[in-house]
Structures are given as C-alpha cells and as structure tokens.
Amino acid sequence: MKTNFTAAVVAAIVALGTAAPVMAETPPNMLVIANRIDDIKTFDPAESFEFAGADVSRNVYEKLVNFDPLDLDAGYMPQLAESWEISEDGKTITFTMAEGHVFSSGNPVTAKDAEFSLRRAVLLDKTPSFILTQFGFTADNVEETIKATDDKTLVLTLDKPYALSFVLNCLTATIGGIVDMETAMANEADGDMGSEWLRTNTSGSGPYKVVDWKPNESVLMDLNPNYHGEKPAMERVIVQHIQESATQRLQLERGDIDVARNLSPEDVAGLADVEGVKVVDELRGRLMYWSANQKVEMLTDPKVLDALKYAVDYDGMSGSFLNGQYTVHQAFLPLTFLGALEDKPYSFDMDAAKAAMAESGFPDCGPIKISVRDAQERLDIAQSLQNTWGQLGCDVELIVGTGAQTLDRYRAREHDIYLGAWGPDYPDPNTNAGTFALNPDNADEAGNTGYLAWRNAWDPGAMNDETLAAVVENDTDKRREMYLELQREHQKVSPFGVMFQQIEQNGMGASVENFVAGGATTAVSYWVITK
C-alpha cells in the first residue's frame, strides 16, 4: 500500500511541475487525503449513493441549489439556478438559470442540461431515483413534468403542492447534480444515456473533474479549467484508500498526507502531542444501525427483535472503542434535524433481553449471520453484537466484505442482519423517514433499493401514510410532532436497531484550513480548503 501511495504522489507532483521536497511534505497546491473509499461504485450522479462517492460528486457536479460549505446553517441557496418562482397552486416551480457556468468540456450549462439530467435520473431508475420520483415524476410523464422552455428556464410540475423547502432540499442531494448533456450522449451505449461512461468519468461544472480512479485504491481530481468561481487553492486532490487507522496516523505524522479521515479513538489520542497536527471534531448526520431481514422467519418475531435491541452494549461501545466518535442515538432522525427524537428506550439489559427471547417463538435463538463492511469500527461493533447476542443463545457468524460487496448483498435482500451506516441525502426529515419508515411496494421485483425498509423486506403498514402526510404539512410545529410520533412508533415495531450518531474526528496538518466534512447533511468541499 505504501508503494502505491508514494508512486501516486510522486506522479502527481511531477505532473504539477513541482519539485519533490527532501522531507515528506505535500505540495502547497495539492490536497492528499486518506479515506476508506472501497464503497465507490460509480460517479454518475443518477446512480451514486455511497458516502465516498458523495464526496467526489459534491466537488464535480453543481446543482440548481446547493449549500455554502462555510455557512451550512444558512440552508440551500442559488447555484446553477439564480432564482425560482412557485405557482399559486404550489405545484409548479419555475427556475431561471444563472449565467457563466461552464462544464469541464467547455460547454455552457443550460436549462436543457438540467432537464436532461433530472429526466435521465428518473428514466434510469437507479437506487437514489426515489428522491425525485416521490414528487410524481415517472418515466411516462417526465417530458411534461420536467421541461426546459428555453436555455434559461426550467419548469418542474409536481403531483401535489409540497412544501417548497422540501423540494429544494431534495435537489441538493447527489442525484441533483447536473450533467453535460452533449458529453453524456456522445458516450451513450445501448440507450444508457451515458451511464456506463459516467460510471468512471465525470462531466460536471463544479470546481474539479475526476482524471483517474483506481477502485479500492485512489481517486485523483484536477481543477475544472472552465470553473466559473474563484480558482481553488488546491489545484489537485488525491484521495487514497487506506484502510487501517494506524497507517493513516503514520502517514499524517510523516507529512505524507494532509488529512486522515478514519482514525480510531486511540490514534486520535495519540496525535494530541504531535507537533504540526490537529484534530477537528464535527457532528455528522451519519447513523450506525443494524437491521433484520424480514425474509428470515425468526427475525420477524417482535420479541426476538426486542431481545436483540436490549442485548446491545450501547454505553460500553460508545465509552470504549467508539469513544469520542459516536454518541448513543436510537431514532432514525439524527440530532439537529427537525423532529429529531432524543428518547433512548433501550439500554444494555440482558435480563430483559433473555425474558423477551424466552417469550418469543424462538427461545433458543439460532444461527444469525451479520453482514458487515471490513472497517475497524464496524468490525468492533459486530464483534460486540456477536458476544452479547451470543449470550442469548444465538450462533452469530460475521460475513465480512468490502463496502461494495456488503451493499450489493444488502440491496439484494440476501442478508440476515446488516450492520452499517446511513447518512442523510438532504436536510429535511423526510430524507430518513422516507427510507426507514416508507416502503411503497415490498415485492422483490419492485427493486426499491433506495428504501431501507424495502431492503429489509419490511412493510411499515400505517407508517407509509404517516410518512407521506408529513411531507405536505406546512405547519412546522405540527410537522415536528408528526416525526416525533413516527420515530417513537418505529423504535417499538421496526426491524431496525439504531445505535449511534457519528462525531467525525478528522486529523489534519496544522496548516489545513476550511476542511468541513459537511455537517449533518452534505459532503466535504475541497474547493474552499487552503493550507
């Protein structure tokens, strides 16, 4: 791994025309990051739905509306659209495109590109498509409901009058990235609208473009020479896949990297007295949870689910190997979101767990396979569950794979228990309610992989209607109460065991400024970083 990393950095330095320093030190105009990026499956914004992929997308693709990385609390603001108007009936939003935005190809960004990008996201019907189709857009109606009337005007016609903030928040999601229509269609194959080409290439108007991707190894981004904004200080960004925390820490201490994003609490503590290094804490929206496939008979028993939820050592984990990086949280909306529930009805109680298991139809428990990504904190959590669930009589086996492998198994409904993380796609409570508590069609052939309820073959019943009702409620106080009640019900009956909310601790060189991981709702923005 060290050889590959060194070769990549040396090649990047030579390409930039910068002499390699005698001591290990990254060039002042290049950002080198260590991160786990084995979950990247594609760069196509119509399909990308993974954490590391979202980081790339945010820096490559612009959207109609987006966030200021240095003022995330300000909410969405104009980006490719300079303004918008909503009709009196609340169902039609008309966007006016801003001047001066240009794709990396040199083509100007127009409303036709926005029309193409949003339409293709619906037509391709990939995992994140539900973020758009929830507004009534379908393959049959996109020509009427998503329409550019000229190069500067885009009109979206919704199926009902949603809160405007809800719609605009959804357009900040990765799927809202606007693609260069001409370039995508020039690389179309078998009617895929450029999807296969965009899997490994990028064609956006953002500050950067991807120039090289080696799966499970590295992503290399260079400046978009046509970017309309102020030229970023970091002319090149290298994100290197380094799995082990100890290796990330060593590379950071030696100056081989600028940022280490997957440090363990022990390695964070070890950096406390290291000169030239700092650690920045940031509360994220990412939740760590386990979920039970309802195709497995034993895991449909409510008492079994209760037993498993009580047999989790929440405080023990958060106070030891997760210390400082995860706080106990047991509801599907993360803290800082409208309607976030702080109730923690489950604590580590083996007596309660054993009593619930004894009352179930499976008092002896049985075999359980936990599908888990090969990442240290997740393996540590899985091993803790293996221990405590084992005390219930369960024969727990860990099925370990890369991020892509475990996601593929999860999306195919082939797991018993899935242990993983979920992060919000946009800053509205429906971003999580609409996947943890909504499943419009539970049939296998529906393929609704964007819904976590579907991935676990779970029909939420009345919660489907409750979730849909919340997105059209314009009274903020009423909407907050709707989400609080929805989460309380979800805690009691769902096959989800939400355990923790992330506090991201990024180690970085002391000179690195403006590294914002993205707060609770978005991804990292490399273009504002200096050092």
Protein backbone atom coordinates (compact mmCIF):
# COMPACT_ATOMS: atom_id res chain seq x y z
CA MET A 1 0.00 0.00 0.00
CA LYS A 2 2.80 2.43 0.86
CA THR A 3 4.46 1.83 -2.52
CA ASN A 4 1.27 2.58 -4.44
CA PHE A 5 0.65 5.71 -2.40
CA THR A 6 4.17 7.04 -2.88
CA ALA A 7 4.03 6.40 -6.61
CA ALA A 8 0.73 8.24 -6.91
CA VAL A 9 2.02 11.27 -5.02
CA VAL A 10 5.30 11.43 -6.93
CA ALA A 11 3.42 11.19 -10.24
CA ALA A 12 1.06 13.94 -9.14
CA ILE A 13 3.93 16.20 -8.07
CA VAL A 14 5.73 15.69 -11.39
CA ALA A 15 2.53 16.37 -13.32
CA LEU A 16 2.09 19.66 -11.44
CA GLY A 17 5.65 20.65 -12.19
CA THR A 18 6.55 20.80 -8.50
CA ALA A 19 9.87 19.51 -7.25
CA ALA A 20 9.58 16.77 -4.65
CA PRO A 21 10.67 18.00 -1.22
CA VAL A 22 13.54 16.41 0.63
CA MET A 23 11.36 15.69 3.65
CA ALA A 24 7.90 14.17 3.27
CA GLU A 25 5.59 17.09 2.61
CA THR A 26 2.69 17.52 0.22
CA PRO A 27 2.87 20.45 -2.23
CA PRO A 28 1.06 23.65 -1.15
CA ASN A 29 -1.37 23.44 -4.10
CA MET A 30 -2.27 19.77 -3.64
CA LEU A 31 -4.51 18.11 -1.05
CA VAL A 32 -3.83 14.49 -0.15
CA ILE A 33 -6.45 12.64 1.89
CA ALA A 34 -6.54 9.18 3.41
CA ASN A 35 -10.05 7.74 3.48
CA ARG A 36 -11.87 4.45 3.04
CA ILE A 37 -13.26 4.64 -0.47
CA ASP A 38 -14.00 0.98 -1.20
CA ASP A 39 -17.72 1.75 -1.33
CA ILE A 40 -17.47 3.77 -4.55
CA LYS A 41 -19.42 2.03 -7.31
CA THR A 42 -19.98 4.87 -9.80
CA PHE A 43 -19.55 8.62 -10.24
CA ASP A 44 -22.83 9.01 -12.16
CA PRO A 45 -24.99 11.34 -10.01
CA ALA A 46 -28.08 9.47 -11.21
CA GLU A 47 -26.76 6.32 -9.52
CA SER A 48 -24.14 7.27 -6.94
CA PHE A 49 -25.49 6.61 -3.44
CA GLU A 50 -22.46 5.90 -1.26
CA PHE A 51 -20.52 8.05 1.20
CA ALA A 52 -17.17 8.32 -0.60
CA GLY A 53 -18.93 8.80 -3.93
CA ALA A 54 -20.91 11.73 -2.49
CA ASP A 55 -17.65 13.47 -1.58
CA VAL A 56 -16.48 13.24 -5.19
CA SER A 57 -19.84 14.29 -6.63
CA ARG A 58 -20.09 17.42 -4.46
CA ASN A 59 -16.81 18.68 -5.90
CA VAL A 60 -17.50 17.75 -9.52
CA TYR A 61 -21.18 18.49 -10.11
CA GLU A 62 -23.13 21.67 -9.44
CA LYS A 63 -26.86 21.65 -8.73
CA LEU A 64 -29.79 24.00 -9.19
CA VAL A 65 -29.49 24.87 -5.49
CA ASN A 66 -26.71 23.97 -3.08
CA PHE A 67 -25.03 24.83 0.23
CA ASP A 68 -22.28 27.27 1.07
CA PRO A 69 -19.63 24.99 2.64
CA LEU A 70 -18.54 27.77 5.01
CA ASP A 71 -22.10 28.53 6.15
CA LEU A 72 -24.03 25.26 6.13
CA ASP A 73 -26.57 26.61 8.61
CA ALA A 74 -27.77 29.11 6.01
CA GLY A 75 -29.51 26.30 4.11
CA TYR A 76 -29.92 25.95 0.36
CA MET A 77 -29.09 28.87 -1.89
CA PRO A 78 -28.85 29.55 -5.64
CA GLN A 79 -26.18 27.77 -7.64
CA LEU A 80 -26.98 26.87 -11.27
CA ALA A 81 -30.41 28.45 -10.79
CA GLU A 82 -30.21 32.13 -9.92
CA SER A 83 -33.86 32.29 -8.85
CA TRP A 84 -37.15 30.38 -8.77
CA GLU A 85 -40.86 31.03 -8.52
CA ILE A 86 -43.71 28.82 -7.36
CA SER A 87 -47.22 28.87 -8.77
CA GLU A 88 -50.27 29.81 -6.73
CA ASP A 89 -51.39 26.18 -6.53
CA GLY A 90 -47.94 25.18 -5.20
CA LYS A 91 -47.40 22.54 -7.89
CA THR A 92 -45.19 24.30 -10.44
CA ILE A 93 -41.66 25.62 -9.77
CA THR A 94 -40.00 27.72 -12.47
CA PHE A 95 -36.21 28.08 -12.28
CA THR A 96 -34.18 30.76 -14.06
CA MET A 97 -30.65 29.59 -14.81
CA ALA A 98 -27.62 31.65 -13.81
CA GLU A 99 -25.13 32.94 -16.37
CA GLY A 100 -21.50 31.92 -16.64
CA HIS A 101 -21.48 28.28 -15.52
CA VAL A 102 -19.46 26.04 -17.85
CA PHE A 103 -18.86 22.29 -17.91
CA SER A 104 -15.33 20.87 -17.88
CA SER A 105 -15.84 20.13 -21.60
CA GLY A 106 -16.25 23.83 -22.32
CA ASN A 107 -19.99 23.56 -23.00
CA PRO A 108 -22.14 26.19 -21.24
CA VAL A 109 -24.66 24.96 -18.67
CA THR A 110 -28.23 25.50 -19.85
CA ALA A 111 -31.73 24.61 -18.71
CA LYS A 112 -31.63 21.85 -21.35
CA ASP A 113 -28.79 20.19 -19.39
CA ALA A 114 -30.83 20.43 -16.19
CA GLU A 115 -33.86 18.97 -17.97
CA PHE A 116 -31.73 16.12 -19.35
CA SER A 117 -30.07 15.37 -16.00
CA LEU A 118 -33.25 15.22 -13.93
CA ARG A 119 -35.13 13.31 -16.61
CA ARG A 120 -32.36 10.71 -17.02
CA ALA A 121 -32.24 10.19 -13.24
CA VAL A 122 -35.93 9.25 -13.34
CA LEU A 123 -35.63 7.18 -16.53
CA LEU A 124 -32.57 5.23 -15.40
CA ASP A 125 -34.41 4.40 -12.16
CA LYS A 126 -31.26 3.67 -10.14
CA THR A 127 -31.09 3.41 -6.35
CA PRO A 128 -31.47 7.15 -5.48
CA SER A 129 -34.24 7.81 -8.05
CA PHE A 130 -36.90 7.81 -5.31
CA ILE A 131 -35.62 11.22 -4.20
CA LEU A 132 -37.14 12.62 -7.41
CA THR A 133 -39.95 10.17 -8.14
CA GLN A 134 -41.56 10.95 -4.77
CA PHE A 135 -42.77 14.17 -6.44
CA GLY A 136 -44.74 12.24 -9.02
CA PHE A 137 -42.13 12.18 -11.78
CA THR A 138 -42.30 8.94 -13.79
CA ALA A 139 -40.80 7.55 -16.98
CA ASP A 140 -44.16 8.15 -18.65
CA ASN A 141 -44.57 11.81 -17.68
CA VAL A 142 -41.08 13.38 -17.48
CA GLU A 143 -41.43 15.05 -20.86
CA GLU A 144 -44.33 17.06 -19.46
CA THR A 145 -43.28 17.42 -15.82
CA ILE A 146 -39.57 18.25 -16.26
CA LYS A 147 -39.28 20.73 -19.11
CA ALA A 148 -36.85 23.39 -20.29
CA THR A 149 -38.89 26.00 -22.14
CA ASP A 150 -35.69 27.70 -23.34
CA ASP A 151 -31.98 27.73 -22.44
CA LYS A 152 -32.58 29.77 -19.31
CA THR A 153 -35.88 28.38 -17.97
CA LEU A 154 -36.64 25.03 -16.34
CA VAL A 155 -40.15 24.13 -15.19
CA LEU A 156 -40.91 21.33 -12.72
CA THR A 157 -44.55 20.26 -12.33
CA LEU A 158 -45.22 18.28 -9.14
CA ASP A 159 -48.10 15.89 -8.47
CA LYS A 160 -49.18 17.81 -5.35
CA PRO A 161 -48.29 21.03 -3.50
CA TYR A 162 -45.30 20.06 -1.36
CA ALA A 163 -43.54 22.50 0.93
CA LEU A 164 -41.10 24.42 -1.31
CA SER A 165 -38.28 23.93 1.18
CA PHE A 166 -38.77 20.15 0.97
CA VAL A 167 -38.46 20.14 -2.83
CA LEU A 168 -35.41 22.41 -2.89
CA ASN A 169 -33.71 20.44 -0.13
CA CYS A 170 -34.13 17.28 -2.21
CA LEU A 171 -32.46 18.97 -5.18
CA THR A 172 -29.31 19.43 -3.06
CA ALA A 173 -28.88 15.63 -2.97
CA THR A 174 -26.24 13.95 -5.12
CA ILE A 175 -28.90 12.97 -7.66
CA GLY A 176 -29.47 16.69 -8.27
CA GLY A 177 -26.04 17.02 -9.93
CA ILE A 178 -26.35 18.50 -13.43
CA VAL A 179 -24.55 16.57 -16.18
CA ASP A 180 -23.26 17.86 -19.54
CA MET A 181 -25.92 16.51 -21.92
CA GLU A 182 -23.76 16.73 -25.04
CA THR A 183 -20.85 14.84 -23.49
CA ALA A 184 -23.04 12.19 -21.86
CA MET A 185 -24.93 11.45 -25.06
CA ALA A 186 -21.72 11.38 -27.10
CA ASN A 187 -20.72 8.47 -24.88
CA GLU A 188 -24.09 6.70 -24.86
CA ALA A 189 -24.07 2.92 -25.31
CA ASP A 190 -27.15 0.77 -25.83
CA GLY A 191 -29.51 3.53 -24.74
CA ASP A 192 -27.88 4.05 -21.32
CA MET A 193 -27.75 7.86 -21.68
CA GLY A 194 -24.03 7.76 -20.96
CA SER A 195 -24.40 5.85 -17.67
CA GLU A 196 -21.58 3.36 -18.25
CA TRP A 197 -19.19 6.13 -19.32
CA LEU A 198 -20.21 8.32 -16.38
CA ARG A 199 -19.53 5.44 -14.02
CA THR A 200 -15.79 6.06 -14.37
CA ASN A 201 -15.70 9.57 -15.85
CA THR A 202 -17.21 12.89 -14.81
CA SER A 203 -18.75 15.72 -16.80
CA GLY A 204 -19.83 18.48 -14.44
CA SER A 205 -19.42 22.21 -13.96
CA GLY A 206 -18.03 22.02 -10.42
CA PRO A 207 -14.55 23.07 -9.30
CA TYR A 208 -12.95 19.70 -10.12
CA LYS A 209 -13.07 16.83 -12.58
CA VAL A 210 -12.01 13.22 -12.00
CA VAL A 211 -8.95 12.35 -14.06
CA ASP A 212 -8.19 8.92 -12.60
CA TRP A 213 -9.94 6.33 -10.46
CA LYS A 214 -8.49 3.03 -9.36
CA PRO A 215 -11.23 1.17 -7.45
CA ASN A 216 -10.23 0.40 -3.85
CA GLU A 217 -7.01 2.40 -4.36
CA SER A 218 -7.37 6.09 -5.21
CA VAL A 219 -9.31 8.93 -6.83
CA LEU A 220 -7.46 11.80 -8.50
CA MET A 221 -9.21 15.12 -9.20
CA ASP A 222 -7.85 18.14 -11.06
CA LEU A 223 -9.29 21.62 -11.47
CA ASN A 224 -12.08 22.14 -13.96
CA PRO A 225 -10.37 24.71 -16.20
CA ASN A 226 -13.74 26.27 -17.01
CA TYR A 227 -15.00 26.62 -13.44
CA HIS A 228 -16.86 29.93 -13.11
CA GLY A 229 -15.95 30.58 -9.48
CA GLU A 230 -12.78 31.71 -7.77
CA LYS A 231 -9.88 29.38 -8.52
CA PRO A 232 -9.44 26.90 -5.64
CA ALA A 233 -6.14 26.90 -3.78
CA MET A 234 -5.99 23.13 -4.06
CA GLU A 235 -5.31 22.52 -7.76
CA ARG A 236 -5.19 18.75 -7.33
CA VAL A 237 -6.92 16.45 -4.85
CA ILE A 238 -5.84 12.86 -4.24
CA VAL A 239 -8.00 10.62 -2.09
CA GLN A 240 -6.09 7.45 -1.23
CA HIS A 241 -7.80 4.33 0.08
CA ILE A 242 -6.01 3.49 3.33
CA GLN A 243 -8.00 1.03 5.38
CA GLU A 244 -6.08 0.99 8.66
CA SER A 245 -6.24 3.80 11.19
CA ALA A 246 -2.67 3.21 12.31
CA THR A 247 -1.40 3.61 8.74
CA GLN A 248 -3.38 6.83 8.28
CA ARG A 249 -1.94 8.20 11.50
CA LEU A 250 1.62 7.31 10.50
CA GLN A 251 1.21 8.95 7.08
CA LEU A 252 -0.20 12.08 8.73
CA GLU A 253 2.63 12.31 11.27
CA ARG A 254 5.21 11.97 8.49
CA GLY A 255 3.55 14.63 6.36
CA ASP A 256 2.74 12.23 3.52
CA ILE A 257 -0.95 13.18 3.71
CA ASP A 258 -2.84 16.30 4.69
CA VAL A 259 -5.97 14.72 6.16
CA ALA A 260 -6.73 11.37 7.83
CA ARG A 261 -10.46 10.64 7.93
CA ASN A 262 -10.73 7.23 9.61
CA LEU A 263 -8.72 7.48 12.79
CA SER A 264 -9.61 5.31 15.78
CA PRO A 265 -10.06 6.95 19.19
CA GLU A 266 -6.68 5.53 20.20
CA ASP A 267 -4.94 7.11 17.22
CA VAL A 268 -6.76 10.40 17.77
CA ALA A 269 -5.48 10.41 21.35
CA GLY A 270 -2.01 9.56 20.08
CA LEU A 271 -1.94 12.73 17.98
CA ALA A 272 -2.59 15.01 20.96
CA ASP A 273 1.06 15.95 21.43
CA VAL A 274 2.24 15.67 17.83
CA GLU A 275 3.58 18.96 16.53
CA GLY A 276 2.09 20.25 13.29
CA VAL A 277 -1.08 18.15 13.55
CA LYS A 278 -4.61 18.93 14.75
CA VAL A 279 -7.89 17.05 15.15
CA VAL A 280 -11.20 18.67 14.21
CA ASP A 281 -14.48 17.28 15.60
CA GLU A 282 -17.73 17.63 13.66
CA LEU A 283 -21.19 16.23 14.44
CA ARG A 284 -22.40 14.38 11.35
CA GLY A 285 -25.79 13.05 10.36
CA ARG A 286 -24.47 9.53 9.86
CA LEU A 287 -26.19 6.85 11.93
CA MET A 288 -24.83 3.41 12.76
CA TYR A 289 -27.55 0.77 12.85
CA TRP A 290 -28.37 -2.87 12.37
CA SER A 291 -31.40 -4.17 10.53
CA ALA A 292 -33.10 -7.55 10.28
CA ASN A 293 -34.25 -9.09 7.01
CA GLN A 294 -37.93 -9.96 7.29
CA LYS A 295 -37.42 -12.84 4.89
CA VAL A 296 -35.80 -14.64 7.81
CA GLU A 297 -38.66 -16.12 9.86
CA MET A 298 -37.04 -15.82 13.27
CA LEU A 299 -36.29 -12.13 12.68
CA THR A 300 -39.97 -11.34 12.07
CA ASP A 301 -40.82 -12.19 15.69
CA PRO A 302 -41.31 -8.90 17.63
CA LYS A 303 -39.98 -10.49 20.83
CA VAL A 304 -36.80 -11.61 19.08
CA LEU A 305 -36.28 -8.06 17.79
CA ASP A 306 -36.86 -6.69 21.31
CA ALA A 307 -34.36 -9.17 22.70
CA LEU A 308 -31.72 -8.16 20.16
CA LYS A 309 -32.27 -4.45 20.86
CA TYR A 310 -31.85 -4.94 24.61
CA ALA A 311 -28.77 -7.11 24.09
CA VAL A 312 -26.66 -4.28 22.67
CA ASP A 313 -23.96 -2.74 24.86
CA TYR A 314 -24.62 0.84 23.76
CA ASP A 315 -22.73 2.65 26.53
CA GLY A 316 -19.97 0.10 26.62
CA MET A 317 -19.16 0.60 22.95
CA SER A 318 -19.54 4.39 22.95
CA GLY A 319 -17.34 4.59 26.04
CA SER A 320 -14.53 2.41 24.71
CA PHE A 321 -13.61 1.74 21.07
CA LEU A 322 -16.09 4.36 19.78
CA ASN A 323 -15.18 6.95 22.41
CA GLY A 324 -15.38 10.49 21.08
CA GLN A 325 -16.55 9.34 17.64
CA TYR A 326 -20.08 8.09 18.20
CA THR A 327 -22.76 9.11 20.67
CA VAL A 328 -25.66 6.81 21.60
CA HIS A 329 -28.71 7.64 19.49
CA GLN A 330 -31.71 5.38 18.87
CA ALA A 331 -34.01 7.17 16.40
CA PHE A 332 -33.84 7.42 12.62
CA LEU A 333 -33.55 11.23 12.55
CA PRO A 334 -30.12 12.49 13.62
CA LEU A 335 -29.70 15.30 16.12
CA THR A 336 -30.02 18.80 14.57
CA PHE A 337 -32.87 17.69 12.26
CA LEU A 338 -36.42 18.97 12.62
CA GLY A 339 -38.25 16.48 14.84
CA ALA A 340 -35.17 14.56 15.95
CA LEU A 341 -36.15 12.25 18.83
CA GLU A 342 -33.74 12.04 21.75
CA ASP A 343 -35.54 9.19 23.58
CA LYS A 344 -33.40 6.11 24.21
CA PRO A 345 -35.85 3.34 25.16
CA TYR A 346 -33.22 0.58 25.00
CA SER A 347 -30.27 0.05 27.29
CA PHE A 348 -27.99 -2.94 27.72
CA ASP A 349 -30.22 -5.23 29.81
CA MET A 350 -29.52 -8.93 29.45
CA ASP A 351 -32.32 -9.86 31.86
CA ALA A 352 -34.86 -8.02 29.69
CA ALA A 353 -33.30 -9.46 26.56
CA LYS A 354 -33.45 -13.04 27.84
CA ALA A 355 -37.02 -12.58 29.04
CA ALA A 356 -38.10 -11.30 25.63
CA MET A 357 -36.33 -14.15 23.86
CA ALA A 358 -37.97 -16.68 26.19
CA GLU A 359 -41.40 -15.24 25.29
CA SER A 360 -40.68 -15.45 21.58
CA GLY A 361 -41.32 -18.35 19.25
CA PHE A 362 -37.55 -18.96 19.16
CA PRO A 363 -36.43 -19.20 22.80
CA ASP A 364 -33.17 -20.93 21.81
CA CYS A 365 -32.42 -18.26 19.19
CA GLY A 366 -30.40 -19.93 16.44
CA PRO A 367 -27.95 -19.02 13.69
CA ILE A 368 -27.63 -15.36 12.69
CA LYS A 369 -25.30 -14.01 10.02
CA ILE A 370 -24.22 -10.38 10.32
CA SER A 371 -23.15 -8.78 7.04
CA VAL A 372 -20.51 -6.15 7.83
CA ARG A 373 -18.03 -3.99 5.95
CA ASP A 374 -14.33 -4.55 6.54
CA ALA A 375 -13.84 -1.32 8.50
CA GLN A 376 -12.41 -1.41 12.01
CA GLU A 377 -15.18 0.36 13.96
CA ARG A 378 -17.86 -1.71 12.21
CA LEU A 379 -15.99 -4.93 12.87
CA ASP A 380 -15.63 -3.91 16.52
CA ILE A 381 -19.39 -3.27 16.76
CA ALA A 382 -20.15 -6.56 15.02
CA GLN A 383 -17.89 -8.45 17.40
CA SER A 384 -19.62 -6.81 20.37
CA LEU A 385 -23.01 -7.90 18.98
CA GLN A 386 -21.61 -11.36 18.37
CA ASN A 387 -20.65 -11.52 22.05
CA THR A 388 -23.83 -10.11 23.60
CA TRP A 389 -26.25 -11.82 21.21
CA GLY A 390 -24.31 -14.99 21.83
CA GLN A 391 -25.34 -14.71 25.47
CA LEU A 392 -28.93 -15.13 24.25
CA GLY A 393 -28.01 -18.44 22.67
CA CYS A 394 -27.62 -17.04 19.15
CA ASP A 395 -24.94 -18.58 16.96
CA VAL A 396 -23.62 -15.40 15.34
CA GLU A 397 -21.39 -15.51 12.27
CA LEU A 398 -19.79 -12.41 10.73
CA ILE A 399 -19.88 -12.17 6.94
CA VAL A 400 -17.17 -9.60 6.15
CA GLY A 401 -16.72 -7.88 2.80
CA THR A 402 -15.77 -4.62 1.14
CA GLY A 403 -18.20 -1.72 1.21
CA ALA A 404 -19.40 -2.55 -2.30
CA GLN A 405 -19.81 -6.26 -1.54
CA THR A 406 -21.85 -5.74 1.61
CA LEU A 407 -24.04 -3.12 -0.10
CA ASP A 408 -24.69 -5.45 -3.04
CA ARG A 409 -25.78 -8.20 -0.64
CA TYR A 410 -27.97 -5.77 1.31
CA ARG A 411 -29.65 -4.36 -1.78
CA ALA A 412 -30.34 -7.90 -2.98
CA ARG A 413 -32.04 -8.75 0.36
CA GLU A 414 -29.58 -11.59 0.91
CA HIS A 415 -28.56 -10.76 4.48
CA ASP A 416 -29.82 -11.90 7.88
CA ILE A 417 -28.60 -8.86 9.81
CA TYR A 418 -26.97 -5.91 8.07
CA LEU A 419 -24.66 -3.72 10.14
CA GLY A 420 -23.96 -0.40 8.51
CA ALA A 421 -24.27 3.36 8.36
CA TRP A 422 -26.80 5.70 6.82
CA GLY A 423 -26.39 9.39 6.13
CA PRO A 424 -28.99 11.98 5.09
CA ASP A 425 -29.22 12.88 1.41
CA TYR A 426 -30.74 16.31 2.01
CA PRO A 427 -31.52 18.50 5.07
CA ASP A 428 -35.17 17.60 5.55
CA PRO A 429 -36.55 14.97 7.97
CA ASN A 430 -38.10 13.07 5.09
CA THR A 431 -34.60 12.13 3.92
CA ASN A 432 -34.55 9.44 6.63
CA ALA A 433 -38.26 9.00 7.31
CA GLY A 434 -38.76 8.30 3.62
CA THR A 435 -36.43 5.31 3.69
CA PHE A 436 -36.55 3.93 7.27
CA ALA A 437 -40.36 4.16 7.53
CA LEU A 438 -41.61 4.08 3.93
CA ASN A 439 -41.86 1.16 1.51
CA PRO A 440 -44.37 1.76 -1.29
CA ASP A 441 -44.02 -1.74 -2.77
CA ASN A 442 -42.50 -4.63 -0.84
CA ALA A 443 -42.40 -7.06 -3.77
CA ASP A 444 -39.00 -8.46 -4.69
CA GLU A 445 -39.42 -7.33 -8.27
CA ALA A 446 -40.10 -3.74 -7.16
CA GLY A 447 -36.36 -3.31 -6.62
CA ASN A 448 -36.82 -0.28 -4.37
CA THR A 449 -33.22 -0.36 -3.15
CA GLY A 450 -33.29 3.30 -2.10
CA TYR A 451 -35.70 2.38 0.70
CA LEU A 452 -34.07 0.72 3.70
CA ALA A 453 -37.47 -0.70 4.66
CA TRP A 454 -37.59 -2.48 1.27
CA ARG A 455 -34.02 -3.77 1.62
CA ASN A 456 -35.17 -5.49 4.80
CA ALA A 457 -38.42 -6.76 3.21
CA TRP A 458 -40.40 -4.82 5.81
CA ASP A 459 -43.86 -3.37 5.21
CA PRO A 460 -44.27 -0.39 7.59
CA GLY A 461 -48.07 -0.52 7.28
CA ALA A 462 -49.75 2.67 8.54
CA MET A 463 -46.35 4.38 8.78
CA ASN A 464 -46.36 4.62 4.98
CA ASP A 465 -49.33 7.01 5.09
CA GLU A 466 -47.97 8.83 8.14
CA THR A 467 -44.66 9.46 6.36
CA LEU A 468 -46.37 10.74 3.22
CA ALA A 469 -48.64 13.01 5.27
CA ALA A 470 -45.65 14.65 6.96
CA VAL A 471 -44.09 15.88 3.70
CA VAL A 472 -47.10 18.03 2.79
CA GLU A 473 -47.60 19.56 6.24
CA ASN A 474 -46.63 23.24 6.10
CA ASP A 475 -47.08 23.97 9.81
CA THR A 476 -43.58 23.46 11.21
CA ASP A 477 -44.70 22.66 14.76
CA LYS A 478 -47.23 20.10 13.56
CA ARG A 479 -44.67 18.57 11.23
CA ARG A 480 -42.17 18.26 14.09
CA GLU A 481 -44.73 16.38 16.21
CA MET A 482 -45.57 14.06 13.31
CA TYR A 483 -41.93 13.00 13.03
CA LEU A 484 -41.55 12.57 16.78
CA GLU A 485 -44.55 10.21 16.88
CA LEU A 486 -43.36 8.37 13.79
CA GLN A 487 -39.97 7.70 15.39
CA ARG A 488 -41.50 6.52 18.68
CA GLU A 489 -43.61 4.00 16.79
CA HIS A 490 -40.65 3.00 14.62
CA GLN A 491 -38.49 2.31 17.69
CA LYS A 492 -41.12 -0.11 19.02
CA VAL A 493 -42.05 -2.15 15.96
CA SER A 494 -39.44 -1.84 13.22
CA PRO A 495 -36.67 -4.36 12.44
CA PHE A 496 -34.10 -1.55 12.81
CA GLY A 497 -31.75 -1.14 15.73
CA VAL A 498 -30.39 2.41 15.52
CA MET A 499 -27.44 2.65 17.90
CA PHE A 500 -25.17 5.67 17.34
CA GLN A 501 -24.73 9.05 15.65
CA GLN A 502 -21.31 9.94 14.37
CA ILE A 503 -18.96 12.61 15.60
CA GLU A 504 -16.35 12.71 12.86
CA GLN A 505 -12.79 13.30 14.06
CA ASN A 506 -10.51 14.28 11.21
CA GLY A 507 -6.78 14.51 11.78
CA MET A 508 -5.02 17.03 9.58
CA GLY A 509 -1.93 19.16 9.20
CA ALA A 510 -1.99 22.30 11.32
CA SER A 511 -1.90 24.48 8.19
CA VAL A 512 -5.07 22.96 6.69
CA GLU A 513 -7.97 25.42 6.94
CA ASN A 514 -11.66 25.24 5.99
CA PHE A 515 -11.84 21.46 5.96
CA VAL A 516 -15.55 20.99 6.69
CA ALA A 517 -16.70 17.38 6.47
CA GLY A 518 -20.21 18.52 5.58
CA GLY A 519 -22.10 18.73 8.86
CA ALA A 520 -25.22 16.62 9.21
CA THR A 521 -26.45 16.83 5.64
CA THR A 522 -23.80 17.09 2.95
CA ALA A 523 -20.27 16.11 1.93
CA VAL A 524 -16.79 17.63 2.04
CA SER A 525 -15.97 20.66 -0.16
CA TYR A 526 -12.36 20.65 -1.34
CA TRP A 527 -12.53 23.93 -3.24
CA VAL A 528 -12.59 26.14 -0.13
CA ILE A 529 -9.65 24.41 1.58
CA THR A 530 -6.34 26.17 1.99
CA LYS A 531 -3.07 25.23 3.66
